[in-house]
Every structure is written in C-alpha cells, then in structure tokens.
N, C-alpha and C. Protein backbone atom coordinates (compact mmCIF):
# COMPACT_ATOMS: atom_id res chain seq x y z
N MET A 1 134.90 60.76 137.64
CA MET A 1 135.66 60.16 136.29
C MET A 1 136.46 58.71 136.81
N LYS A 2 136.26 58.09 135.87
CA LYS A 2 136.90 56.54 135.20
C LYS A 2 138.55 56.78 135.46
N THR A 3 139.44 56.62 136.75
CA THR A 3 140.63 56.73 136.93
C THR A 3 140.73 55.49 137.91
N VAL A 4 142.05 55.01 138.32
CA VAL A 4 142.35 54.63 139.35
C VAL A 4 143.37 55.83 140.23
N LYS A 5 143.59 54.78 141.42
CA LYS A 5 144.92 55.66 142.36
C LYS A 5 146.24 54.63 141.80
N GLN A 6 146.72 55.83 141.82
CA GLN A 6 148.65 55.61 141.80
C GLN A 6 149.13 56.03 143.08
N ILE A 7 149.84 54.94 143.85
CA ILE A 7 151.17 55.49 145.01
C ILE A 7 152.00 55.38 144.51
N SER A 8 152.61 56.69 144.69
CA SER A 8 153.80 56.66 144.65
C SER A 8 155.09 56.95 145.66
N LEU A 9 156.00 56.41 146.00
CA LEU A 9 156.63 56.56 147.47
C LEU A 9 158.72 56.69 146.96
N VAL A 10 159.18 57.33 147.35
CA VAL A 10 160.94 57.22 147.46
C VAL A 10 161.04 56.06 148.84
N LEU A 11 162.38 55.89 148.03
CA LEU A 11 163.06 54.75 148.31
C LEU A 11 164.56 55.15 148.39
N LYS A 12 165.22 54.45 149.26
CA LYS A 12 166.41 54.52 149.55
C LYS A 12 167.07 52.96 148.14
N ASN A 13 167.94 53.47 147.27
CA ASN A 13 167.84 52.40 146.45
C ASN A 13 169.61 51.54 146.81
N GLU A 14 168.66 50.87 147.38
CA GLU A 14 170.11 49.46 148.40
C GLU A 14 168.66 48.65 148.07
N PRO A 15 168.90 47.66 148.42
CA PRO A 15 168.86 46.28 148.54
C PRO A 15 168.41 46.51 149.45
N GLY A 16 166.55 45.46 149.23
CA GLY A 16 166.05 44.83 150.32
C GLY A 16 164.53 45.97 150.57
N THR A 17 164.67 47.36 150.00
CA THR A 17 163.67 48.52 150.47
C THR A 17 162.56 48.30 149.86
N LEU A 18 162.68 47.85 148.55
CA LEU A 18 161.37 47.51 147.59
C LEU A 18 160.66 46.18 148.21
N SER A 19 161.43 44.67 148.36
CA SER A 19 160.43 43.60 149.12
C SER A 19 159.97 43.92 150.53
N ALA A 20 160.18 45.21 151.33
CA ALA A 20 160.41 45.03 152.25
C ALA A 20 158.74 45.78 151.91
N VAL A 21 158.57 47.23 151.46
CA VAL A 21 157.26 47.57 150.62
C VAL A 21 156.65 45.82 150.40
N SER A 22 156.35 45.41 149.69
CA SER A 22 156.38 44.50 149.44
C SER A 22 155.53 43.46 150.51
N ASP A 23 156.20 42.97 151.78
CA ASP A 23 156.19 42.81 152.74
C ASP A 23 154.92 42.32 153.70
N VAL A 24 155.33 44.12 154.07
CA VAL A 24 154.72 45.33 155.08
C VAL A 24 152.99 44.65 154.00
N LEU A 25 153.57 45.29 152.19
CA LEU A 25 151.78 44.76 152.11
C LEU A 25 150.66 43.59 152.11
N GLY A 26 151.81 42.39 151.32
CA GLY A 26 151.18 41.72 151.46
C GLY A 26 150.99 40.63 153.05
N ALA A 27 151.48 41.21 153.98
CA ALA A 27 151.20 41.01 155.17
C ALA A 27 149.76 41.04 156.00
N ASN A 28 149.06 42.59 154.99
CA ASN A 28 147.75 43.10 155.11
C ASN A 28 147.39 42.74 154.74
N GLY A 29 147.51 42.07 153.09
CA GLY A 29 146.40 41.34 152.28
C GLY A 29 146.12 42.43 151.67
N VAL A 30 146.89 43.13 150.80
CA VAL A 30 146.79 44.24 149.86
C VAL A 30 148.14 44.08 148.45
N ASN A 31 147.40 43.46 147.28
CA ASN A 31 148.08 43.29 146.08
C ASN A 31 148.27 44.03 145.72
N ILE A 32 149.59 43.83 145.09
CA ILE A 32 150.60 45.37 143.96
C ILE A 32 149.55 44.56 142.47
N ILE A 33 149.13 45.30 142.24
CA ILE A 33 148.50 44.62 140.21
C ILE A 33 149.08 45.78 139.44
N ALA A 34 150.05 46.86 139.81
CA ALA A 34 150.56 47.42 138.20
C ALA A 34 151.78 48.12 139.38
N PHE A 35 153.40 48.07 138.91
CA PHE A 35 153.70 48.18 139.31
C PHE A 35 155.20 49.34 138.19
N TYR A 36 155.55 50.00 138.99
CA TYR A 36 156.77 51.06 137.61
C TYR A 36 158.12 51.18 139.00
N VAL A 37 159.10 50.83 138.97
CA VAL A 37 160.22 51.56 139.31
C VAL A 37 161.18 52.20 139.02
N ALA A 38 161.78 53.42 139.22
CA ALA A 38 162.68 54.07 138.34
C ALA A 38 163.56 54.25 139.64
N THR A 39 165.03 53.99 139.09
CA THR A 39 165.71 54.63 140.33
C THR A 39 167.38 55.37 139.68
N GLU A 40 167.60 56.15 140.35
CA GLU A 40 168.67 56.96 139.88
C GLU A 40 169.14 57.99 140.90
N LYS A 41 170.76 57.32 140.86
CA LYS A 41 171.72 57.28 142.24
C LYS A 41 171.39 56.55 143.40
N GLU A 42 170.90 57.42 144.35
CA GLU A 42 170.48 56.58 145.99
C GLU A 42 169.36 56.62 146.52
N GLU A 43 168.33 57.16 145.52
CA GLU A 43 167.13 56.63 145.99
C GLU A 43 166.40 55.95 144.46
N GLY A 44 165.06 55.38 144.68
CA GLY A 44 164.21 55.30 143.41
C GLY A 44 162.74 55.02 143.94
N LYS A 45 162.10 55.57 143.32
CA LYS A 45 160.62 55.85 143.21
C LYS A 45 159.83 55.15 142.48
N LEU A 46 158.72 53.99 143.05
CA LEU A 46 157.98 53.30 143.22
C LEU A 46 157.23 53.65 142.81
N HIS A 47 155.68 53.47 141.45
CA HIS A 47 154.90 54.13 141.47
C HIS A 47 154.02 52.71 141.59
N PHE A 48 152.79 52.75 141.94
CA PHE A 48 152.11 51.21 141.76
C PHE A 48 150.71 51.30 142.13
N ILE A 49 149.43 50.18 141.76
CA ILE A 49 148.22 50.63 141.98
C ILE A 49 147.95 49.05 142.67
N ALA A 50 147.11 49.30 143.65
CA ALA A 50 147.00 48.23 144.94
C ALA A 50 145.39 47.92 144.47
N ASN A 51 145.21 46.34 144.62
CA ASN A 51 143.69 46.64 144.78
C ASN A 51 142.84 46.87 145.30
N ASP A 52 143.77 47.61 147.03
CA ASP A 52 142.46 48.03 147.51
C ASP A 52 143.52 49.15 147.97
N PRO A 53 143.11 50.58 147.19
CA PRO A 53 144.34 51.56 147.62
C PRO A 53 144.80 53.00 149.17
N GLU A 54 142.83 52.39 149.33
CA GLU A 54 142.88 53.04 150.63
C GLU A 54 143.71 51.97 152.45
N LYS A 55 143.48 50.95 151.55
CA LYS A 55 143.90 49.91 152.66
C LYS A 55 145.66 49.97 152.62
N ALA A 56 146.26 50.33 151.00
CA ALA A 56 147.25 49.92 151.47
C ALA A 56 147.55 51.58 151.50
N MET A 57 147.06 52.14 151.17
CA MET A 57 148.17 54.03 151.69
C MET A 57 147.79 54.31 153.00
N ASN A 58 146.84 53.34 154.17
CA ASN A 58 146.90 53.36 155.42
C ASN A 58 148.18 52.34 156.05
N VAL A 59 148.65 51.23 155.52
CA VAL A 59 149.58 50.08 156.08
C VAL A 59 150.64 51.01 156.03
N LEU A 60 150.77 52.27 154.37
CA LEU A 60 152.21 52.03 154.13
C LEU A 60 152.26 53.38 155.50
N LYS A 61 151.60 54.05 155.14
CA LYS A 61 151.49 55.16 156.34
C LYS A 61 152.08 55.11 158.10
N THR A 62 150.95 53.82 157.95
CA THR A 62 151.13 52.99 159.49
C THR A 62 152.62 52.56 159.63
N ALA A 63 152.99 52.13 158.76
CA ALA A 63 154.65 51.92 158.49
C ALA A 63 155.79 52.88 158.51
N GLY A 64 154.58 54.21 158.14
CA GLY A 64 156.28 55.31 157.92
C GLY A 64 156.46 55.42 157.01
N TYR A 65 155.57 55.17 155.77
CA TYR A 65 156.65 55.57 154.99
C TYR A 65 155.71 56.77 154.22
N ASP A 66 156.43 57.57 153.06
CA ASP A 66 154.94 58.74 152.91
C ASP A 66 154.92 58.94 151.63
N LEU A 67 154.02 58.83 151.26
CA LEU A 67 153.41 58.44 149.73
C LEU A 67 152.79 59.63 149.18
N ASP A 68 152.62 59.65 147.80
CA ASP A 68 152.13 60.50 147.92
C ASP A 68 150.58 59.63 146.07
N THR A 69 149.98 60.50 146.12
CA THR A 69 148.70 59.76 145.40
C THR A 69 148.45 60.57 143.99
N LYS A 70 148.00 59.68 143.26
CA LYS A 70 147.62 60.49 141.76
C LYS A 70 146.72 59.25 141.01
N GLU A 71 145.12 60.60 139.88
CA GLU A 71 144.66 59.46 139.13
C GLU A 71 145.34 59.29 138.30
N VAL A 72 145.20 58.30 137.75
CA VAL A 72 145.98 57.92 136.45
C VAL A 72 144.86 56.81 135.25
N ILE A 73 145.10 56.65 134.21
CA ILE A 73 143.93 55.81 133.63
C ILE A 73 144.26 54.66 133.41
N ALA A 74 144.07 53.39 133.28
CA ALA A 74 144.03 52.17 133.31
C ALA A 74 142.81 51.78 132.29
N CYS A 75 144.13 50.99 131.01
CA CYS A 75 143.46 51.04 129.86
C CYS A 75 143.68 49.69 129.30
N GLU A 76 142.48 48.70 128.29
CA GLU A 76 143.17 48.20 127.73
C GLU A 76 143.17 48.26 126.32
N THR A 77 144.43 47.59 125.99
CA THR A 77 145.34 48.09 124.44
C THR A 77 145.05 46.74 124.02
N PRO A 78 144.94 46.83 122.75
CA PRO A 78 145.33 45.45 121.32
C PRO A 78 146.46 44.28 121.68
N HIS A 79 145.94 43.63 121.64
CA HIS A 79 147.43 42.38 122.19
C HIS A 79 148.14 42.52 121.25
N HIS A 80 148.39 42.76 120.07
CA HIS A 80 149.03 42.61 118.17
C HIS A 80 150.29 43.05 118.13
N PRO A 81 150.91 43.15 117.25
CA PRO A 81 152.25 44.08 116.57
C PRO A 81 151.52 45.49 116.39
N GLY A 82 151.89 46.51 116.62
CA GLY A 82 151.13 47.49 117.22
C GLY A 82 150.46 47.89 117.66
N GLY A 83 149.59 46.96 117.98
CA GLY A 83 148.74 47.00 119.89
C GLY A 83 148.79 48.77 120.05
N LEU A 84 149.91 48.85 120.77
CA LEU A 84 149.81 49.69 121.87
C LEU A 84 149.43 50.95 120.96
N ASN A 85 149.93 51.56 119.92
CA ASN A 85 149.70 53.20 118.93
C ASN A 85 147.88 52.84 119.58
N ALA A 86 147.21 52.02 119.48
CA ALA A 86 146.04 52.38 119.55
C ALA A 86 145.54 53.32 120.02
N VAL A 87 146.41 53.54 121.61
CA VAL A 87 146.06 54.20 122.67
C VAL A 87 146.73 55.65 122.14
N LEU A 88 148.54 54.88 122.16
CA LEU A 88 149.04 56.27 121.63
C LEU A 88 148.83 57.56 120.43
N LYS A 89 148.40 56.57 119.74
CA LYS A 89 147.88 57.45 118.22
C LYS A 89 147.53 58.67 118.60
N PRO A 90 146.23 58.43 119.73
CA PRO A 90 144.83 59.70 119.68
C PRO A 90 145.31 60.32 120.30
N LEU A 91 146.18 59.74 121.35
CA LEU A 91 146.77 61.01 122.26
C LEU A 91 147.52 61.97 121.94
N LYS A 92 148.56 61.11 121.10
CA LYS A 92 149.50 62.55 120.13
C LYS A 92 148.83 62.96 119.48
N ALA A 93 147.84 62.91 118.61
CA ALA A 93 147.51 63.61 117.98
C ALA A 93 146.09 65.00 119.01
N ALA A 94 146.26 64.64 120.00
CA ALA A 94 145.67 65.60 120.62
C ALA A 94 146.18 66.67 121.46
N ASN A 95 148.15 65.84 121.30
CA ASN A 95 149.01 66.99 122.38
C ASN A 95 148.84 66.94 123.66
N ILE A 96 148.45 65.39 123.76
CA ILE A 96 148.44 64.78 124.88
C ILE A 96 149.86 64.39 125.01
N ASN A 97 150.67 64.36 125.70
CA ASN A 97 151.97 63.82 127.09
C ASN A 97 151.48 62.53 127.26
N VAL A 98 152.45 61.74 127.40
CA VAL A 98 152.52 61.00 128.34
C VAL A 98 153.36 60.64 129.01
N ASP A 99 153.41 60.94 130.17
CA ASP A 99 154.50 60.97 131.83
C ASP A 99 155.03 59.39 131.44
N SER A 100 154.40 58.48 131.91
CA SER A 100 154.17 57.34 132.42
C SER A 100 153.53 56.10 131.47
N ILE A 101 153.65 55.08 131.51
CA ILE A 101 153.05 53.85 131.14
C ILE A 101 153.88 52.77 131.54
N TYR A 102 152.95 51.96 132.09
CA TYR A 102 153.10 50.70 132.95
C TYR A 102 152.43 49.23 132.55
N PRO A 103 152.65 48.06 132.30
CA PRO A 103 151.64 47.05 132.59
C PRO A 103 151.26 46.51 133.90
N CYS A 104 149.67 45.65 133.46
CA CYS A 104 148.85 45.04 134.86
C CYS A 104 149.72 44.06 134.61
N LEU A 105 149.80 43.53 135.79
CA LEU A 105 149.91 41.90 136.09
C LEU A 105 149.01 40.99 136.28
N GLY A 106 148.97 39.76 135.39
CA GLY A 106 148.17 38.99 136.06
C GLY A 106 146.58 39.72 135.50
N THR A 107 146.36 39.94 134.32
CA THR A 107 145.02 40.33 133.99
C THR A 107 144.59 39.65 133.01
N GLY A 108 144.75 38.11 133.02
CA GLY A 108 144.47 37.42 131.84
C GLY A 108 144.68 37.52 130.63
N GLU A 109 143.41 37.55 130.10
CA GLU A 109 143.62 37.66 128.72
C GLU A 109 143.63 39.00 127.82
N MET A 110 143.31 39.71 128.51
CA MET A 110 144.22 41.25 128.85
C MET A 110 144.73 42.05 128.48
N THR A 111 144.96 42.69 127.66
CA THR A 111 146.50 43.95 128.16
C THR A 111 146.51 44.98 128.76
N VAL A 112 146.28 45.22 129.66
CA VAL A 112 145.93 46.21 130.82
C VAL A 112 146.96 47.22 131.01
N LEU A 113 146.73 48.49 130.42
CA LEU A 113 148.14 49.37 130.60
C LEU A 113 147.57 50.63 131.50
N VAL A 114 148.71 51.18 132.35
CA VAL A 114 148.60 52.25 133.56
C VAL A 114 149.39 53.29 132.65
N ILE A 115 148.30 54.39 132.68
CA ILE A 115 148.62 55.59 131.55
C ILE A 115 149.12 56.96 132.68
N ASN A 116 149.75 57.59 132.77
CA ASN A 116 150.23 58.95 134.09
C ASN A 116 150.13 59.91 132.27
N VAL A 117 149.45 60.44 132.42
CA VAL A 117 148.54 61.54 131.67
C VAL A 117 148.25 62.52 131.94
N GLY A 118 148.55 63.96 132.02
CA GLY A 118 148.27 65.22 132.29
C GLY A 118 147.18 65.97 130.41
N PRO A 119 146.29 66.54 130.50
CA PRO A 119 145.23 66.29 131.44
C PRO A 119 144.46 65.19 131.39
N VAL A 120 144.08 64.91 132.44
CA VAL A 120 143.43 62.92 132.69
C VAL A 120 141.92 63.23 131.66
N GLU A 121 141.22 64.55 132.49
CA GLU A 121 140.26 64.29 131.64
C GLU A 121 140.16 64.25 129.98
N GLN A 122 140.85 65.45 129.31
CA GLN A 122 140.50 65.31 128.46
C GLN A 122 141.13 64.15 127.32
N ALA A 123 142.70 63.01 128.00
CA ALA A 123 142.89 61.96 127.57
C ALA A 123 142.18 61.16 127.71
N LEU A 124 140.74 60.70 128.43
CA LEU A 124 139.78 60.32 129.46
C LEU A 124 138.40 60.21 128.32
N LYS A 125 138.30 61.56 127.60
CA LYS A 125 137.51 62.16 126.37
C LYS A 125 137.93 61.21 125.33
N ILE A 126 139.64 61.79 124.97
CA ILE A 126 140.31 60.93 123.71
C ILE A 126 139.45 59.66 123.40
N MET A 127 140.09 59.61 124.12
CA MET A 127 140.04 57.04 124.89
C MET A 127 138.56 56.69 124.48
N GLU A 128 137.72 57.66 124.75
CA GLU A 128 136.71 57.45 125.17
C GLU A 128 136.27 57.88 123.13
N ASP A 129 136.20 58.51 122.74
CA ASP A 129 136.01 59.00 121.66
C ASP A 129 136.95 58.03 120.14
N ASN A 130 137.61 57.69 120.67
CA ASN A 130 138.23 56.34 119.82
C ASN A 130 137.51 54.87 120.50
N TRP A 131 137.32 54.95 120.95
CA TRP A 131 136.88 53.55 121.17
C TRP A 131 137.61 52.68 122.26
N ILE A 132 138.27 53.51 123.25
CA ILE A 132 139.17 52.69 124.49
C ILE A 132 138.57 52.40 125.45
N ARG A 133 138.33 50.94 125.50
CA ARG A 133 138.16 50.78 126.92
C ARG A 133 139.04 50.96 128.30
N VAL A 134 138.36 52.36 128.79
CA VAL A 134 138.67 52.34 130.42
C VAL A 134 138.44 51.50 131.48
N LEU A 135 139.31 51.00 132.10
CA LEU A 135 138.60 50.29 133.91
C LEU A 135 138.66 51.17 134.42
N GLY A 136 137.87 51.54 135.85
CA GLY A 136 138.18 52.02 136.57
C GLY A 136 138.26 51.19 137.82
N ASP A 137 137.32 51.15 139.27
CA ASP A 137 137.63 50.38 140.32
C ASP A 137 136.87 49.04 139.64
N GLU A 138 136.89 48.55 138.59
CA GLU A 138 136.66 47.25 138.16
C GLU A 138 137.92 46.63 138.21
N LEU A 139 139.51 47.22 137.51
CA LEU A 139 140.36 46.95 137.64
C LEU A 139 140.96 46.64 138.68
N TYR A 140 140.44 47.23 140.16
CA TYR A 140 140.65 46.59 141.66
C TYR A 140 140.52 45.05 142.00
N HIS A 141 139.47 44.54 141.10
CA HIS A 141 138.99 42.97 140.53
C HIS A 141 139.08 42.27 140.22
N ILE A 142 139.76 42.38 138.85
CA ILE A 142 140.74 41.60 138.10
C ILE A 142 141.19 40.14 138.93
C-alpha cells in the first residue's frame, strides 16, 4: 500500500511544548516535512510526517512521549485555482470523508498534501483511477 506514516502526539497547550518536540527531533537529525496542530483548551494534538518515521518514533518514545501512528496518503495536487478539487471531487464522488488535510513543507515545485481518510485502500484506488499521483516512501526524500 502506497502510504506514509503519520505520527501523532498529545501535547499540553502551553508555550514551548511544540518547540521541545522540534528540538528533540532536530537534535537527532529528524526533519518534520509536514505537520498539523490543533489545540483545544489545555491540550493540543500534533500530527506530522517525518523524513525518517522509525527514527522519529524511537527518539520521541525515548524522550518520554506517548504517540500514535497511522497510515495516511500523500498526493500531488495541481497548483492552480481550484486544483484542490482534482483530489477532493473523486473522493466525494466515492463518498469518502476527509478527516484532515495538510500541506508538506519544502516540496519544490510540487504541491503535496497529506490526507487522512478512511478507508485508505479505497481512497488509493479512487486516486489511481483519477490519475492522482500518490507518493509513498519517496516523500521522505524530497
């Protein structure tokens, strides 16, 4: 299955907690290539893709963080007005809900989105049928 690993952490919603995660990852040579943060009251949830997910998980677990992982889809999206619908309309037609969506950082001339959907296998088939480029492990090296 052509997916990427999303790592999720629950963090206290206070100054410096996100920076601490970035520090521990950066000190260990792990780069965050896409992320999404949502906060609500005293807690926040960080969802991210790292260039080396296994190393990121090991580093964070060693640092005492509790984390979850999930397979998500990274796909190239046309970079023009309405381009997002090239991805969203086929999913809508297949009655697949998008739980979250966020962009990758520093992908050069490509616009790459990380999409959390269920069921992943069905969404991948829909994307393939609609000529949407899906990135797997190659995303970790862009």
